[in-house]
Amino acid sequence: MKTAIAYYSKHHGNTKKLLDAIVAADPSVVLIDVTVQPTADLSGYNRIASTPSDPPSPVVSYFHRKDCFSYAH
């Protein structure tokens, strides 16, 4: 399963530090910095996560679309 995390890390870089630890534990996880790739193509990923973004990027805003969510039971 391909996993991507779209993130925004500002100020102290704590978000990036946490994500680097996730990638160290699972090198198959792909990090997408929304300041570098604000319109990244996520269609090739089975699992997608995001962190808050200020200002919101199109990648993170995508998650707020109602039809984008599915819930595990």
N, C-alpha and C. Protein backbone atom coordinates (compact mmCIF):
# COMPACT_ATOMS: atom_id res chain seq x y z
N MET A 1 0.84 -1.18 0.00
CA MET A 1 0.00 0.00 0.00
C MET A 1 0.88 1.24 0.00
N LYS A 2 0.57 2.17 -0.89
CA LYS A 2 1.34 3.41 -0.96
C LYS A 2 0.71 4.46 -0.05
N THR A 3 1.55 5.07 0.78
CA THR A 3 1.09 6.05 1.76
C THR A 3 1.79 7.38 1.54
N ALA A 4 1.00 8.46 1.58
CA ALA A 4 1.55 9.81 1.46
C ALA A 4 1.04 10.66 2.62
N ILE A 5 1.89 11.53 3.10
CA ILE A 5 1.48 12.51 4.12
C ILE A 5 1.81 13.88 3.58
N ALA A 6 0.75 14.68 3.35
CA ALA A 6 0.93 16.06 2.92
C ALA A 6 1.07 16.90 4.19
N TYR A 7 2.14 17.67 4.27
CA TYR A 7 2.40 18.38 5.52
C TYR A 7 2.83 19.83 5.29
N TYR A 8 2.69 20.58 6.35
CA TYR A 8 3.14 21.97 6.42
C TYR A 8 3.87 22.12 7.74
N SER A 9 5.15 22.46 7.70
CA SER A 9 5.93 22.58 8.92
C SER A 9 6.57 23.95 8.96
N LYS A 10 6.19 24.74 9.94
CA LYS A 10 6.69 26.10 10.09
C LYS A 10 7.12 26.29 11.55
N HIS A 11 7.66 27.40 11.85
CA HIS A 11 8.08 27.77 13.21
C HIS A 11 9.26 26.93 13.66
N HIS A 12 9.04 25.95 14.54
CA HIS A 12 10.13 25.19 15.15
C HIS A 12 10.46 23.90 14.41
N GLY A 13 9.68 23.53 13.41
CA GLY A 13 9.95 22.32 12.65
C GLY A 13 9.53 21.04 13.35
N ASN A 14 8.69 21.13 14.38
CA ASN A 14 8.30 19.93 15.13
C ASN A 14 7.49 18.95 14.28
N THR A 15 6.64 19.48 13.41
CA THR A 15 5.86 18.59 12.54
C THR A 15 6.79 17.78 11.66
N LYS A 16 7.77 18.43 11.06
CA LYS A 16 8.73 17.72 10.20
C LYS A 16 9.53 16.70 10.98
N LYS A 17 9.90 17.01 12.21
CA LYS A 17 10.64 16.06 13.04
C LYS A 17 9.82 14.81 13.29
N LEU A 18 8.55 14.98 13.60
CA LEU A 18 7.66 13.85 13.83
C LEU A 18 7.51 13.01 12.56
N LEU A 19 7.32 13.68 11.43
CA LEU A 19 7.16 12.97 10.16
C LEU A 19 8.44 12.24 9.77
N ASP A 20 9.59 12.82 10.04
CA ASP A 20 10.85 12.14 9.77
C ASP A 20 10.97 10.86 10.58
N ALA A 21 10.46 10.87 11.81
CA ALA A 21 10.47 9.67 12.64
C ALA A 21 9.54 8.60 12.06
N ILE A 22 8.41 9.02 11.52
CA ILE A 22 7.49 8.08 10.87
C ILE A 22 8.17 7.43 9.67
N VAL A 23 8.83 8.24 8.85
CA VAL A 23 9.52 7.71 7.67
C VAL A 23 10.68 6.81 8.08
N ALA A 24 11.35 7.12 9.16
CA ALA A 24 12.44 6.26 9.64
C ALA A 24 11.89 4.89 10.02
N ALA A 25 10.68 4.86 10.58
CA ALA A 25 10.06 3.59 10.97
C ALA A 25 9.47 2.86 9.76
N ASP A 26 9.04 3.61 8.75
CA ASP A 26 8.45 3.02 7.55
C ASP A 26 8.90 3.82 6.33
N PRO A 27 10.04 3.45 5.75
CA PRO A 27 10.60 4.21 4.63
C PRO A 27 9.72 4.26 3.37
N SER A 28 8.67 3.47 3.31
CA SER A 28 7.79 3.52 2.14
C SER A 28 6.84 4.72 2.17
N VAL A 29 6.72 5.38 3.31
CA VAL A 29 5.86 6.56 3.43
C VAL A 29 6.50 7.73 2.68
N VAL A 30 5.70 8.41 1.87
CA VAL A 30 6.17 9.56 1.08
C VAL A 30 5.67 10.84 1.74
N LEU A 31 6.58 11.78 2.00
CA LEU A 31 6.22 13.07 2.56
C LEU A 31 6.08 14.09 1.44
N ILE A 32 5.01 14.87 1.48
CA ILE A 32 4.78 15.90 0.48
C ILE A 32 4.69 17.24 1.20
N ASP A 33 5.71 18.06 1.03
CA ASP A 33 5.73 19.40 1.62
C ASP A 33 4.83 20.29 0.77
N VAL A 34 3.72 20.76 1.35
CA VAL A 34 2.75 21.53 0.56
C VAL A 34 3.27 22.91 0.17
N THR A 35 4.36 23.36 0.78
CA THR A 35 4.94 24.63 0.34
C THR A 35 5.77 24.44 -0.92
N VAL A 36 6.22 23.22 -1.17
CA VAL A 36 7.01 22.90 -2.35
C VAL A 36 6.11 22.33 -3.46
N GLN A 37 5.15 21.49 -3.07
CA GLN A 37 4.24 20.85 -4.02
C GLN A 37 2.78 21.14 -3.63
N PRO A 38 2.32 22.37 -3.80
CA PRO A 38 0.97 22.72 -3.35
C PRO A 38 -0.15 22.03 -4.12
N THR A 39 0.14 21.48 -5.29
CA THR A 39 -0.89 20.79 -6.07
C THR A 39 -0.44 19.38 -6.43
N ALA A 40 0.19 18.70 -5.49
CA ALA A 40 0.70 17.35 -5.74
C ALA A 40 -0.41 16.40 -6.17
N ASP A 41 -0.08 15.48 -7.06
CA ASP A 41 -1.03 14.47 -7.52
C ASP A 41 -1.04 13.32 -6.51
N LEU A 42 -2.17 13.11 -5.88
CA LEU A 42 -2.30 12.07 -4.86
C LEU A 42 -2.98 10.82 -5.39
N SER A 43 -3.26 10.77 -6.67
CA SER A 43 -4.03 9.66 -7.22
C SER A 43 -3.33 8.31 -7.13
N GLY A 44 -2.04 8.28 -6.99
CA GLY A 44 -1.31 7.02 -6.91
C GLY A 44 -1.16 6.45 -5.52
N TYR A 45 -1.80 7.06 -4.54
CA TYR A 45 -1.64 6.62 -3.15
C TYR A 45 -2.93 5.96 -2.63
N ASN A 46 -2.76 4.88 -1.85
CA ASN A 46 -3.89 4.19 -1.25
C ASN A 46 -4.30 4.83 0.07
N ARG A 47 -3.31 5.36 0.78
CA ARG A 47 -3.56 6.02 2.07
C ARG A 47 -2.95 7.40 2.04
N ILE A 48 -3.74 8.39 2.46
CA ILE A 48 -3.28 9.78 2.43
C ILE A 48 -3.63 10.43 3.76
N ALA A 49 -2.67 11.13 4.33
CA ALA A 49 -2.90 11.88 5.56
C ALA A 49 -2.42 13.30 5.34
N SER A 50 -2.88 14.21 6.19
CA SER A 50 -2.40 15.59 6.08
C SER A 50 -2.29 16.21 7.45
N THR A 51 -1.47 17.24 7.52
CA THR A 51 -1.37 18.06 8.72
C THR A 51 -2.01 19.40 8.41
N PRO A 52 -2.37 20.17 9.43
CA PRO A 52 -2.94 21.50 9.16
C PRO A 52 -1.97 22.35 8.35
N SER A 53 -2.52 23.25 7.56
CA SER A 53 -1.71 24.11 6.70
C SER A 53 -2.22 25.54 6.81
N ASP A 54 -1.30 26.48 6.95
CA ASP A 54 -1.69 27.89 7.02
C ASP A 54 -0.71 28.70 6.17
N PRO A 55 -1.08 29.20 5.03
CA PRO A 55 -2.44 29.15 4.48
C PRO A 55 -2.74 27.77 3.90
N PRO A 56 -4.01 27.42 3.79
CA PRO A 56 -4.37 26.10 3.27
C PRO A 56 -3.87 25.92 1.83
N SER A 57 -3.29 24.77 1.56
CA SER A 57 -2.85 24.47 0.20
C SER A 57 -3.95 23.69 -0.50
N PRO A 58 -3.94 23.65 -1.82
CA PRO A 58 -4.94 22.84 -2.53
C PRO A 58 -4.91 21.37 -2.13
N VAL A 59 -3.71 20.85 -1.81
CA VAL A 59 -3.62 19.45 -1.41
C VAL A 59 -4.37 19.22 -0.11
N VAL A 60 -4.15 20.06 0.90
CA VAL A 60 -4.82 19.89 2.18
C VAL A 60 -6.30 20.24 2.06
N SER A 61 -6.64 21.23 1.28
CA SER A 61 -8.04 21.59 1.09
C SER A 61 -8.83 20.45 0.47
N TYR A 62 -8.18 19.61 -0.31
CA TYR A 62 -8.82 18.45 -0.94
C TYR A 62 -9.48 17.56 0.11
N PHE A 63 -8.85 17.45 1.28
CA PHE A 63 -9.37 16.57 2.32
C PHE A 63 -10.66 17.07 2.93
N HIS A 64 -10.97 18.32 2.74
CA HIS A 64 -12.18 18.88 3.31
C HIS A 64 -13.40 18.66 2.44
N ARG A 65 -13.21 18.10 1.26
CA ARG A 65 -14.34 17.77 0.39
C ARG A 65 -15.08 16.59 0.99
N LYS A 66 -16.37 16.69 1.09
CA LYS A 66 -17.19 15.66 1.74
C LYS A 66 -17.01 14.29 1.09
N ASP A 67 -16.89 14.23 -0.23
CA ASP A 67 -16.82 12.94 -0.92
C ASP A 67 -15.44 12.28 -0.82
N CYS A 68 -14.50 12.94 -0.18
CA CYS A 68 -13.14 12.42 -0.10
C CYS A 68 -12.97 11.45 1.07
N PHE A 69 -13.82 11.52 2.06
CA PHE A 69 -13.63 10.76 3.28
C PHE A 69 -14.28 9.39 3.23
N SER A 70 -13.61 8.40 3.77
CA SER A 70 -14.22 7.12 4.05
C SER A 70 -13.79 6.73 5.46
N TYR A 71 -14.64 6.04 6.14
CA TYR A 71 -14.37 5.75 7.55
C TYR A 71 -14.21 4.25 7.77
N ALA A 72 -13.22 3.88 8.55
CA ALA A 72 -13.01 2.48 8.91
C ALA A 72 -13.95 2.13 10.06
N HIS A 73 -14.44 0.92 10.04
CA HIS A 73 -15.34 0.46 11.11
C HIS A 73 -14.70 -0.64 11.89
